[in-house]
Amino acid sequence: MSLSAREKAKLDAFDTIYRQGQLPVMRAIESRTCGCAYGATSWATRDEADLIAAVLGLGPRVGLLEIGAGSGWPALYLALKSGCDVTLTDLPVSGLEIALEQAARDGIGARCRALIADVARLPFPDASFDVINQSDVLCCLVQKGKAMSECRRVIAPGGHMACSLIYVPSGLDPDDHARAVETAPDFVEAEA
């Protein structure tokens, strides 16, 4: 897999963020803000994760693929709450290591696996998963169309995907648009 210098820098930044997210002060802030403490990089709250579980119909014997899983939020919470099996994917290995440690602490290690994988080139056969979740991932990707095509490829017929994202709304004046792009995640701008 060939990454640009900008993409490599972003991976290094996420590696640092995942490790810093495990600091007690960061976990305390996350717990008060989101209602959980996983060292998350997603802005999804626990109430939103509960809604995702309901919308996706999560339960025992359901296979969930979490794209851009980072340190495991919300996928580990979803697996713990619903009893589903979960596959975590991301590129920075540090986040996945943290997630697997948390899965073991939560007693769901047997229902959780993690793979280093780029969503634009998923290493799974067609129709491998019942459901897919992406929390604040698509907005951070260069190859958005390819990522969505890969998700469609690996989801089983009749499967569902939840996708929350950060985006720059249309209709902003030029100054507000520039400010939104500057403060948003890298690669947030998209034609559609």
N, C-alpha and C. Protein backbone atom coordinates (compact mmCIF):
# COMPACT_ATOMS: atom_id res chain seq x y z
N MET A 1 0.85 -1.16 0.00
CA MET A 1 0.00 0.00 0.00
C MET A 1 0.90 1.23 0.00
N SER A 2 0.67 2.12 -0.93
CA SER A 2 1.48 3.33 -1.06
C SER A 2 0.69 4.53 -0.55
N LEU A 3 1.22 5.21 0.46
CA LEU A 3 0.57 6.38 1.03
C LEU A 3 1.36 7.63 0.69
N SER A 4 0.64 8.73 0.51
CA SER A 4 1.30 10.01 0.28
C SER A 4 1.94 10.49 1.58
N ALA A 5 2.81 11.46 1.49
CA ALA A 5 3.45 12.02 2.69
C ALA A 5 2.39 12.60 3.63
N ARG A 6 1.36 13.22 3.07
CA ARG A 6 0.28 13.79 3.89
C ARG A 6 -0.49 12.69 4.62
N GLU A 7 -0.76 11.58 3.92
CA GLU A 7 -1.47 10.46 4.55
C GLU A 7 -0.62 9.81 5.63
N LYS A 8 0.69 9.66 5.38
CA LYS A 8 1.59 9.09 6.39
C LYS A 8 1.64 9.98 7.63
N ALA A 9 1.69 11.28 7.42
CA ALA A 9 1.71 12.21 8.55
C ALA A 9 0.42 12.10 9.36
N LYS A 10 -0.70 11.90 8.66
CA LYS A 10 -1.98 11.76 9.34
C LYS A 10 -2.01 10.47 10.18
N LEU A 11 -1.44 9.39 9.64
CA LEU A 11 -1.37 8.14 10.41
C LEU A 11 -0.53 8.31 11.66
N ASP A 12 0.60 9.00 11.53
CA ASP A 12 1.45 9.26 12.70
C ASP A 12 0.71 10.10 13.73
N ALA A 13 -0.05 11.08 13.27
CA ALA A 13 -0.82 11.93 14.19
C ALA A 13 -1.87 11.11 14.93
N PHE A 14 -2.56 10.22 14.21
CA PHE A 14 -3.55 9.36 14.87
C PHE A 14 -2.90 8.42 15.87
N ASP A 15 -1.72 7.91 15.56
CA ASP A 15 -1.00 7.06 16.49
C ASP A 15 -0.79 7.81 17.82
N THR A 16 -0.36 9.05 17.72
CA THR A 16 -0.15 9.86 18.91
C THR A 16 -1.47 10.11 19.64
N ILE A 17 -2.52 10.41 18.89
CA ILE A 17 -3.83 10.68 19.50
C ILE A 17 -4.35 9.45 20.24
N TYR A 18 -4.20 8.26 19.63
CA TYR A 18 -4.68 7.04 20.29
C TYR A 18 -3.95 6.82 21.60
N ARG A 19 -2.65 7.04 21.61
CA ARG A 19 -1.88 6.84 22.85
C ARG A 19 -2.24 7.89 23.90
N GLN A 20 -2.38 9.14 23.48
CA GLN A 20 -2.75 10.20 24.43
C GLN A 20 -4.16 9.99 24.97
N GLY A 21 -5.03 9.40 24.16
CA GLY A 21 -6.40 9.15 24.59
C GLY A 21 -6.51 8.18 25.75
N GLN A 22 -5.44 7.46 26.04
CA GLN A 22 -5.44 6.52 27.16
C GLN A 22 -5.02 7.17 28.48
N LEU A 23 -4.57 8.41 28.42
CA LEU A 23 -4.19 9.11 29.65
C LEU A 23 -5.43 9.29 30.54
N PRO A 24 -5.27 9.14 31.84
CA PRO A 24 -6.42 9.25 32.75
C PRO A 24 -7.22 10.55 32.56
N VAL A 25 -6.56 11.66 32.37
CA VAL A 25 -7.29 12.92 32.21
C VAL A 25 -8.12 12.91 30.93
N MET A 26 -7.58 12.33 29.85
CA MET A 26 -8.32 12.28 28.59
C MET A 26 -9.53 11.34 28.71
N ARG A 27 -9.34 10.22 29.38
CA ARG A 27 -10.46 9.27 29.57
C ARG A 27 -11.54 9.89 30.45
N ALA A 28 -11.15 10.69 31.42
CA ALA A 28 -12.13 11.37 32.28
C ALA A 28 -12.94 12.39 31.48
N ILE A 29 -12.25 13.14 30.63
CA ILE A 29 -12.95 14.13 29.79
C ILE A 29 -13.91 13.41 28.84
N GLU A 30 -13.45 12.34 28.22
CA GLU A 30 -14.29 11.59 27.29
C GLU A 30 -15.51 11.02 28.00
N SER A 31 -15.31 10.50 29.19
CA SER A 31 -16.41 9.92 29.95
C SER A 31 -17.48 10.96 30.25
N ARG A 32 -17.06 12.16 30.62
CA ARG A 32 -18.04 13.22 30.92
C ARG A 32 -18.69 13.76 29.67
N THR A 33 -17.97 13.79 28.55
CA THR A 33 -18.49 14.35 27.31
C THR A 33 -19.36 13.37 26.54
N CYS A 34 -18.87 12.14 26.38
CA CYS A 34 -19.53 11.16 25.52
C CYS A 34 -20.26 10.06 26.28
N GLY A 35 -20.03 9.95 27.59
CA GLY A 35 -20.68 8.90 28.36
C GLY A 35 -19.94 7.58 28.28
N CYS A 36 -18.68 7.60 27.85
CA CYS A 36 -17.86 6.40 27.74
C CYS A 36 -16.40 6.82 27.86
N ALA A 37 -15.51 5.82 27.95
CA ALA A 37 -14.09 6.15 28.03
C ALA A 37 -13.28 5.07 27.32
N TYR A 38 -13.13 5.23 26.01
CA TYR A 38 -12.37 4.29 25.20
C TYR A 38 -11.12 4.92 24.60
N GLY A 39 -10.90 6.20 24.82
CA GLY A 39 -9.81 6.88 24.14
C GLY A 39 -10.18 7.16 22.70
N ALA A 40 -11.43 7.53 22.50
CA ALA A 40 -12.01 7.63 21.17
C ALA A 40 -11.54 8.85 20.38
N THR A 41 -11.61 8.70 19.08
CA THR A 41 -11.39 9.83 18.17
C THR A 41 -12.69 10.21 17.47
N SER A 42 -13.73 9.44 17.67
CA SER A 42 -15.04 9.73 17.09
C SER A 42 -15.81 10.67 18.02
N TRP A 43 -16.67 11.46 17.45
CA TRP A 43 -17.51 12.36 18.24
C TRP A 43 -18.83 11.72 18.62
N ALA A 44 -19.04 10.46 18.27
CA ALA A 44 -20.30 9.77 18.59
C ALA A 44 -20.44 9.64 20.11
N THR A 45 -21.61 9.99 20.61
CA THR A 45 -21.89 9.83 22.03
C THR A 45 -22.45 8.44 22.29
N ARG A 46 -22.59 8.09 23.55
CA ARG A 46 -23.15 6.79 23.89
C ARG A 46 -24.60 6.68 23.41
N ASP A 47 -25.37 7.76 23.53
CA ASP A 47 -26.75 7.74 23.02
C ASP A 47 -26.77 7.47 21.52
N GLU A 48 -25.83 8.08 20.78
CA GLU A 48 -25.75 7.84 19.33
C GLU A 48 -25.34 6.40 19.04
N ALA A 49 -24.43 5.86 19.84
CA ALA A 49 -24.03 4.46 19.66
C ALA A 49 -25.21 3.53 19.91
N ASP A 50 -26.02 3.84 20.90
CA ASP A 50 -27.23 3.03 21.16
C ASP A 50 -28.17 3.10 19.97
N LEU A 51 -28.30 4.26 19.35
CA LEU A 51 -29.14 4.40 18.16
C LEU A 51 -28.55 3.58 17.00
N ILE A 52 -27.24 3.62 16.83
CA ILE A 52 -26.58 2.83 15.78
C ILE A 52 -26.88 1.34 15.99
N ALA A 53 -26.79 0.86 17.23
CA ALA A 53 -27.07 -0.55 17.52
C ALA A 53 -28.49 -0.92 17.11
N ALA A 54 -29.43 -0.03 17.40
CA ALA A 54 -30.83 -0.30 17.05
C ALA A 54 -31.04 -0.27 15.54
N VAL A 55 -30.49 0.74 14.88
CA VAL A 55 -30.67 0.89 13.43
C VAL A 55 -30.04 -0.29 12.68
N LEU A 56 -28.89 -0.75 13.13
CA LEU A 56 -28.21 -1.87 12.47
C LEU A 56 -28.77 -3.23 12.87
N GLY A 57 -29.62 -3.25 13.89
CA GLY A 57 -30.19 -4.52 14.33
C GLY A 57 -29.15 -5.45 14.93
N LEU A 58 -28.23 -4.90 15.70
CA LEU A 58 -27.16 -5.69 16.29
C LEU A 58 -27.69 -6.66 17.34
N GLY A 59 -27.09 -7.82 17.37
CA GLY A 59 -27.43 -8.84 18.35
C GLY A 59 -26.49 -10.02 18.17
N PRO A 60 -26.67 -11.06 18.98
CA PRO A 60 -25.82 -12.25 18.84
C PRO A 60 -25.88 -12.80 17.41
N ARG A 61 -24.76 -13.33 16.96
CA ARG A 61 -24.60 -13.93 15.63
C ARG A 61 -24.66 -12.91 14.48
N VAL A 62 -24.62 -11.62 14.80
CA VAL A 62 -24.51 -10.59 13.77
C VAL A 62 -23.03 -10.22 13.65
N GLY A 63 -22.52 -10.17 12.41
CA GLY A 63 -21.13 -9.81 12.17
C GLY A 63 -21.00 -8.34 11.80
N LEU A 64 -20.36 -7.57 12.67
CA LEU A 64 -20.16 -6.13 12.49
C LEU A 64 -18.74 -5.86 12.03
N LEU A 65 -18.59 -5.09 10.97
CA LEU A 65 -17.29 -4.58 10.54
C LEU A 65 -17.22 -3.12 10.94
N GLU A 66 -16.21 -2.75 11.71
CA GLU A 66 -16.01 -1.35 12.10
C GLU A 66 -14.85 -0.80 11.29
N ILE A 67 -15.13 0.18 10.46
CA ILE A 67 -14.13 0.83 9.62
C ILE A 67 -13.49 1.96 10.43
N GLY A 68 -12.16 2.05 10.40
CA GLY A 68 -11.47 3.11 11.13
C GLY A 68 -11.71 3.00 12.63
N ALA A 69 -11.54 1.80 13.16
CA ALA A 69 -11.93 1.50 14.54
C ALA A 69 -11.10 2.22 15.60
N GLY A 70 -9.90 2.64 15.25
CA GLY A 70 -9.06 3.32 16.23
C GLY A 70 -8.92 2.49 17.49
N SER A 71 -9.17 3.10 18.64
CA SER A 71 -9.03 2.41 19.93
C SER A 71 -10.29 1.66 20.34
N GLY A 72 -11.26 1.55 19.42
CA GLY A 72 -12.39 0.67 19.65
C GLY A 72 -13.75 1.28 19.85
N TRP A 73 -13.83 2.59 19.95
CA TRP A 73 -15.13 3.24 20.12
C TRP A 73 -15.73 3.53 18.76
N PRO A 74 -16.98 3.26 18.51
CA PRO A 74 -17.99 2.65 19.38
C PRO A 74 -18.11 1.14 19.23
N ALA A 75 -17.29 0.51 18.39
CA ALA A 75 -17.46 -0.91 18.07
C ALA A 75 -17.44 -1.81 19.30
N LEU A 76 -16.50 -1.60 20.21
CA LEU A 76 -16.42 -2.47 21.38
C LEU A 76 -17.66 -2.31 22.27
N TYR A 77 -18.10 -1.09 22.41
CA TYR A 77 -19.32 -0.83 23.17
C TYR A 77 -20.51 -1.54 22.51
N LEU A 78 -20.60 -1.44 21.18
CA LEU A 78 -21.70 -2.09 20.46
C LEU A 78 -21.66 -3.60 20.65
N ALA A 79 -20.48 -4.20 20.59
CA ALA A 79 -20.34 -5.64 20.78
C ALA A 79 -20.68 -6.04 22.21
N LEU A 80 -20.24 -5.25 23.17
CA LEU A 80 -20.51 -5.54 24.57
C LEU A 80 -22.01 -5.46 24.85
N LYS A 81 -22.63 -4.43 24.34
CA LYS A 81 -24.06 -4.18 24.60
C LYS A 81 -24.97 -5.16 23.87
N SER A 82 -24.62 -5.51 22.62
CA SER A 82 -25.53 -6.29 21.78
C SER A 82 -25.21 -7.78 21.70
N GLY A 83 -23.97 -8.15 21.97
CA GLY A 83 -23.57 -9.54 21.81
C GLY A 83 -23.10 -9.90 20.41
N CYS A 84 -22.97 -8.89 19.52
CA CYS A 84 -22.52 -9.16 18.15
C CYS A 84 -21.03 -9.50 18.12
N ASP A 85 -20.61 -10.09 17.02
CA ASP A 85 -19.18 -10.30 16.75
C ASP A 85 -18.68 -9.06 16.02
N VAL A 86 -17.44 -8.66 16.28
CA VAL A 86 -16.94 -7.43 15.68
C VAL A 86 -15.55 -7.63 15.10
N THR A 87 -15.36 -7.07 13.92
CA THR A 87 -14.05 -7.01 13.27
C THR A 87 -13.67 -5.55 13.18
N LEU A 88 -12.54 -5.21 13.76
CA LEU A 88 -12.03 -3.85 13.79
C LEU A 88 -10.99 -3.69 12.69
N THR A 89 -11.08 -2.62 11.90
CA THR A 89 -10.05 -2.32 10.91
C THR A 89 -9.59 -0.89 11.07
N ASP A 90 -8.33 -0.68 10.82
CA ASP A 90 -7.74 0.65 10.81
C ASP A 90 -6.33 0.50 10.29
N LEU A 91 -5.64 1.61 10.09
CA LEU A 91 -4.25 1.56 9.65
C LEU A 91 -3.25 1.73 10.79
N PRO A 92 -3.44 2.66 11.72
CA PRO A 92 -2.47 2.74 12.82
C PRO A 92 -2.61 1.54 13.76
N VAL A 93 -1.56 0.78 13.90
CA VAL A 93 -1.61 -0.43 14.71
C VAL A 93 -1.83 -0.10 16.19
N SER A 94 -1.37 1.04 16.65
CA SER A 94 -1.50 1.37 18.08
C SER A 94 -2.95 1.40 18.52
N GLY A 95 -3.82 1.97 17.71
CA GLY A 95 -5.24 2.01 18.07
C GLY A 95 -5.83 0.62 18.18
N LEU A 96 -5.49 -0.24 17.23
CA LEU A 96 -6.01 -1.61 17.26
C LEU A 96 -5.47 -2.39 18.46
N GLU A 97 -4.22 -2.17 18.83
CA GLU A 97 -3.65 -2.82 20.01
C GLU A 97 -4.42 -2.39 21.27
N ILE A 98 -4.68 -1.11 21.38
CA ILE A 98 -5.44 -0.58 22.52
C ILE A 98 -6.83 -1.19 22.53
N ALA A 99 -7.46 -1.29 21.36
CA ALA A 99 -8.82 -1.85 21.26
C ALA A 99 -8.84 -3.31 21.70
N LEU A 100 -7.86 -4.10 21.27
CA LEU A 100 -7.84 -5.51 21.64
C LEU A 100 -7.63 -5.68 23.14
N GLU A 101 -6.81 -4.83 23.74
CA GLU A 101 -6.63 -4.87 25.20
C GLU A 101 -7.94 -4.54 25.91
N GLN A 102 -8.68 -3.55 25.39
CA GLN A 102 -9.96 -3.18 25.99
C GLN A 102 -10.98 -4.30 25.80
N ALA A 103 -10.99 -4.93 24.64
CA ALA A 103 -11.91 -6.05 24.39
C ALA A 103 -11.66 -7.18 25.40
N ALA A 104 -10.41 -7.45 25.68
CA ALA A 104 -10.08 -8.49 26.67
C ALA A 104 -10.58 -8.09 28.05
N ARG A 105 -10.37 -6.82 28.43
CA ARG A 105 -10.85 -6.34 29.74
C ARG A 105 -12.37 -6.41 29.82
N ASP A 106 -13.05 -6.15 28.71
CA ASP A 106 -14.52 -6.17 28.68
C ASP A 106 -15.08 -7.58 28.59
N GLY A 107 -14.22 -8.58 28.42
CA GLY A 107 -14.68 -9.96 28.32
C GLY A 107 -15.27 -10.34 26.97
N ILE A 108 -14.93 -9.56 25.93
CA ILE A 108 -15.46 -9.85 24.59
C ILE A 108 -14.35 -10.20 23.60
N GLY A 109 -13.19 -10.50 24.10
CA GLY A 109 -12.04 -10.81 23.24
C GLY A 109 -12.31 -11.95 22.27
N ALA A 110 -13.10 -12.92 22.66
CA ALA A 110 -13.39 -14.06 21.78
C ALA A 110 -14.30 -13.67 20.62
N ARG A 111 -15.02 -12.55 20.76
CA ARG A 111 -15.92 -12.10 19.69
C ARG A 111 -15.35 -10.91 18.92
N CYS A 112 -14.06 -10.64 19.13
CA CYS A 112 -13.45 -9.46 18.53
C CYS A 112 -12.15 -9.83 17.83
N ARG A 113 -11.99 -9.32 16.62
CA ARG A 113 -10.70 -9.47 15.93
C ARG A 113 -10.35 -8.13 15.31
N ALA A 114 -9.07 -7.94 15.04
CA ALA A 114 -8.60 -6.68 14.49
C ALA A 114 -7.63 -6.95 13.35
N LEU A 115 -7.76 -6.15 12.30
CA LEU A 115 -6.88 -6.26 11.14
C LEU A 115 -6.44 -4.88 10.69
N ILE A 116 -5.17 -4.75 10.36
CA ILE A 116 -4.69 -3.53 9.74
C ILE A 116 -5.21 -3.56 8.30
N ALA A 117 -6.04 -2.59 7.96
CA ALA A 117 -6.64 -2.61 6.63
C ALA A 117 -7.05 -1.20 6.21
N ASP A 118 -6.85 -0.92 4.94
CA ASP A 118 -7.27 0.32 4.31
C ASP A 118 -8.67 0.08 3.74
N VAL A 119 -9.61 0.94 4.10
CA VAL A 119 -10.99 0.76 3.65
C VAL A 119 -11.11 0.80 2.12
N ALA A 120 -10.16 1.43 1.45
CA ALA A 120 -10.20 1.47 -0.02
C ALA A 120 -9.74 0.14 -0.64
N ARG A 121 -9.20 -0.77 0.19
CA ARG A 121 -8.73 -2.09 -0.27
C ARG A 121 -8.95 -3.11 0.85
N LEU A 122 -10.20 -3.40 1.15
CA LEU A 122 -10.50 -4.30 2.26
C LEU A 122 -10.10 -5.75 1.94
N PRO A 123 -9.46 -6.44 2.89
CA PRO A 123 -8.96 -7.80 2.65
C PRO A 123 -9.97 -8.90 2.97
N PHE A 124 -11.23 -8.69 2.62
CA PHE A 124 -12.28 -9.64 2.92
C PHE A 124 -12.99 -10.07 1.65
N PRO A 125 -13.50 -11.31 1.64
CA PRO A 125 -14.29 -11.75 0.48
C PRO A 125 -15.60 -10.96 0.39
N ASP A 126 -16.22 -11.01 -0.76
CA ASP A 126 -17.52 -10.37 -0.96
C ASP A 126 -18.51 -10.90 0.08
N ALA A 127 -19.43 -10.04 0.51
CA ALA A 127 -20.55 -10.40 1.39
C ALA A 127 -20.08 -11.04 2.70
N SER A 128 -19.02 -10.51 3.29
CA SER A 128 -18.44 -11.08 4.51
C SER A 128 -19.12 -10.64 5.80
N PHE A 129 -19.82 -9.52 5.78
CA PHE A 129 -20.36 -8.94 7.01
C PHE A 129 -21.84 -8.62 6.89
N ASP A 130 -22.53 -8.76 8.02
CA ASP A 130 -23.96 -8.42 8.07
C ASP A 130 -24.17 -6.91 8.08
N VAL A 131 -23.34 -6.22 8.83
CA VAL A 131 -23.48 -4.77 8.99
C VAL A 131 -22.09 -4.12 9.07
N ILE A 132 -22.06 -2.83 8.75
CA ILE A 132 -20.82 -2.04 8.80
C ILE A 132 -21.12 -0.74 9.53
N ASN A 133 -20.17 -0.29 10.31
CA ASN A 133 -20.27 1.02 10.95
C ASN A 133 -19.00 1.81 10.66
N GLN A 134 -19.19 3.10 10.40
CA GLN A 134 -18.09 4.06 10.27
C GLN A 134 -18.48 5.28 11.10
N SER A 135 -17.68 5.62 12.07
CA SER A 135 -17.95 6.81 12.89
C SER A 135 -16.86 7.84 12.65
N ASP A 136 -17.21 8.89 11.95
CA ASP A 136 -16.29 9.99 11.66
C ASP A 136 -15.03 9.52 10.94
N VAL A 137 -15.21 8.63 9.96
CA VAL A 137 -14.08 8.09 9.20
C VAL A 137 -14.09 8.61 7.76
N LEU A 138 -15.21 8.50 7.10
CA LEU A 138 -15.29 8.86 5.68
C LEU A 138 -14.79 10.28 5.43
N CYS A 139 -15.07 11.18 6.36
CA CYS A 139 -14.64 12.56 6.20
C CYS A 139 -13.12 12.72 6.23
N CYS A 140 -12.41 11.72 6.71
CA CYS A 140 -10.95 11.79 6.82
C CYS A 140 -10.23 11.05 5.70
N LEU A 141 -10.95 10.56 4.71
CA LEU A 141 -10.37 9.74 3.65
C LEU A 141 -10.23 10.51 2.35
N VAL A 142 -9.18 10.17 1.61
CA VAL A 142 -8.98 10.74 0.27
C VAL A 142 -9.88 10.01 -0.73
N GLN A 143 -9.88 8.69 -0.68
CA GLN A 143 -10.60 7.87 -1.66
C GLN A 143 -12.00 7.50 -1.15
N LYS A 144 -12.86 8.50 -1.00
CA LYS A 144 -14.19 8.29 -0.44
C LYS A 144 -15.03 7.33 -1.30
N GLY A 145 -15.04 7.53 -2.60
CA GLY A 145 -15.82 6.68 -3.50
C GLY A 145 -15.36 5.24 -3.46
N LYS A 146 -14.06 5.02 -3.48
CA LYS A 146 -13.50 3.67 -3.42
C LYS A 146 -13.84 3.03 -2.08
N ALA A 147 -13.78 3.80 -1.00
CA ALA A 147 -14.11 3.28 0.33
C ALA A 147 -15.57 2.81 0.37
N MET A 148 -16.47 3.59 -0.17
CA MET A 148 -17.88 3.21 -0.16
C MET A 148 -18.12 1.99 -1.05
N SER A 149 -17.43 1.90 -2.18
CA SER A 149 -17.56 0.73 -3.05
C SER A 149 -17.08 -0.54 -2.34
N GLU A 150 -15.98 -0.44 -1.62
CA GLU A 150 -15.47 -1.59 -0.88
C GLU A 150 -16.44 -2.02 0.22
N CYS A 151 -17.03 -1.05 0.91
CA CYS A 151 -18.02 -1.40 1.93
C CYS A 151 -19.20 -2.14 1.30
N ARG A 152 -19.66 -1.64 0.17
CA ARG A 152 -20.78 -2.29 -0.53
C ARG A 152 -20.40 -3.72 -0.93
N ARG A 153 -19.16 -3.91 -1.34
CA ARG A 153 -18.70 -5.22 -1.77
C ARG A 153 -18.69 -6.23 -0.62
N VAL A 154 -18.26 -5.82 0.58
CA VAL A 154 -18.09 -6.78 1.67
C VAL A 154 -19.33 -6.95 2.54
N ILE A 155 -20.36 -6.17 2.30
CA ILE A 155 -21.58 -6.32 3.09
C ILE A 155 -22.49 -7.34 2.42
N ALA A 156 -23.12 -8.17 3.23
CA ALA A 156 -24.00 -9.22 2.72
C ALA A 156 -25.27 -8.61 2.11
N PRO A 157 -25.90 -9.31 1.19
CA PRO A 157 -27.17 -8.82 0.64
C PRO A 157 -28.16 -8.56 1.78
N GLY A 158 -28.81 -7.43 1.72
CA GLY A 158 -29.75 -7.03 2.76
C GLY A 158 -29.09 -6.42 3.98
N GLY A 159 -27.76 -6.30 3.96
CA GLY A 159 -27.04 -5.72 5.09
C GLY A 159 -27.22 -4.21 5.15
N HIS A 160 -26.81 -3.63 6.25
CA HIS A 160 -26.95 -2.19 6.46
C HIS A 160 -25.62 -1.59 6.90
N MET A 161 -25.47 -0.29 6.65
CA MET A 161 -24.29 0.43 7.09
C MET A 161 -24.71 1.73 7.74
N ALA A 162 -24.10 2.03 8.88
CA ALA A 162 -24.27 3.33 9.53
C ALA A 162 -22.99 4.12 9.31
N CYS A 163 -23.15 5.37 8.96
CA CYS A 163 -22.00 6.21 8.63
C CYS A 163 -22.24 7.61 9.17
N SER A 164 -21.55 7.96 10.23
CA SER A 164 -21.62 9.34 10.72
C SER A 164 -20.38 10.05 10.23
N LEU A 165 -20.51 11.34 9.94
CA LEU A 165 -19.35 12.05 9.41
C LEU A 165 -19.41 13.53 9.71
N ILE A 166 -18.26 14.12 9.61
CA ILE A 166 -18.10 15.56 9.73
C ILE A 166 -18.06 16.09 8.31
N TYR A 167 -18.81 17.15 8.04
CA TYR A 167 -18.80 17.70 6.69
C TYR A 167 -18.91 19.21 6.73
N VAL A 168 -18.51 19.83 5.63
CA VAL A 168 -18.62 21.28 5.49
C VAL A 168 -19.94 21.55 4.79
N PRO A 169 -20.88 22.20 5.46
CA PRO A 169 -22.19 22.42 4.85
C PRO A 169 -22.13 23.38 3.66
N SER A 170 -23.05 23.20 2.77
CA SER A 170 -23.13 24.11 1.62
C SER A 170 -23.74 25.44 2.07
N GLY A 171 -23.56 26.45 1.26
CA GLY A 171 -24.18 27.74 1.51
C GLY A 171 -23.42 28.67 2.44
N LEU A 172 -22.23 28.29 2.85
CA LEU A 172 -21.44 29.17 3.71
C LEU A 172 -20.84 30.29 2.88
N ASP A 173 -20.68 31.47 3.49
CA ASP A 173 -19.98 32.52 2.77
C ASP A 173 -18.50 32.12 2.68
N PRO A 174 -17.73 32.71 1.78
CA PRO A 174 -16.35 32.27 1.55
C PRO A 174 -15.48 32.24 2.81
N ASP A 175 -15.61 33.23 3.68
CA ASP A 175 -14.79 33.24 4.90
C ASP A 175 -15.17 32.09 5.85
N ASP A 176 -16.48 31.87 6.04
CA ASP A 176 -16.92 30.78 6.90
C ASP A 176 -16.54 29.42 6.30
N HIS A 177 -16.63 29.29 4.98
CA HIS A 177 -16.25 28.05 4.32
C HIS A 177 -14.76 27.77 4.55
N ALA A 178 -13.92 28.77 4.35
CA ALA A 178 -12.48 28.60 4.55
C ALA A 178 -12.18 28.21 6.00
N ARG A 179 -12.87 28.84 6.96
CA ARG A 179 -12.67 28.54 8.37
C ARG A 179 -13.11 27.09 8.68
N ALA A 180 -14.22 26.68 8.12
CA ALA A 180 -14.72 25.32 8.34
C ALA A 180 -13.74 24.29 7.80
N VAL A 181 -13.20 24.51 6.62
CA VAL A 181 -12.25 23.58 6.02
C VAL A 181 -10.97 23.55 6.83
N GLU A 182 -10.52 24.71 7.29
CA GLU A 182 -9.28 24.80 8.06
C GLU A 182 -9.37 24.06 9.39
N THR A 183 -10.52 24.09 10.04
CA THR A 183 -10.65 23.47 11.36
C THR A 183 -11.20 22.05 11.32
N ALA A 184 -11.61 21.59 10.16
CA ALA A 184 -12.16 20.23 10.00
C ALA A 184 -11.01 19.23 9.82
N PRO A 185 -11.33 17.94 9.86
CA PRO A 185 -10.30 16.93 9.59
C PRO A 185 -9.74 17.10 8.16
N ASP A 186 -8.51 16.65 7.96
CA ASP A 186 -7.94 16.65 6.61
C ASP A 186 -8.86 15.86 5.69
N PHE A 187 -8.92 16.26 4.45
CA PHE A 187 -9.66 15.56 3.39
C PHE A 187 -11.17 15.65 3.56
N VAL A 188 -11.68 16.58 4.37
CA VAL A 188 -13.13 16.65 4.62
C VAL A 188 -13.89 17.13 3.40
N GLU A 189 -13.26 17.95 2.57
CA GLU A 189 -13.97 18.46 1.40
C GLU A 189 -14.22 17.38 0.38
N ALA A 190 -15.42 17.40 -0.19
CA ALA A 190 -15.79 16.45 -1.22
C ALA A 190 -16.77 17.13 -2.18
N GLU A 191 -16.75 16.68 -3.42
CA GLU A 191 -17.67 17.27 -4.40
C GLU A 191 -19.11 16.89 -4.10
N ALA A 192 -19.32 15.73 -3.52
CA ALA A 192 -20.69 15.29 -3.18
C ALA A 192 -20.65 14.50 -1.90
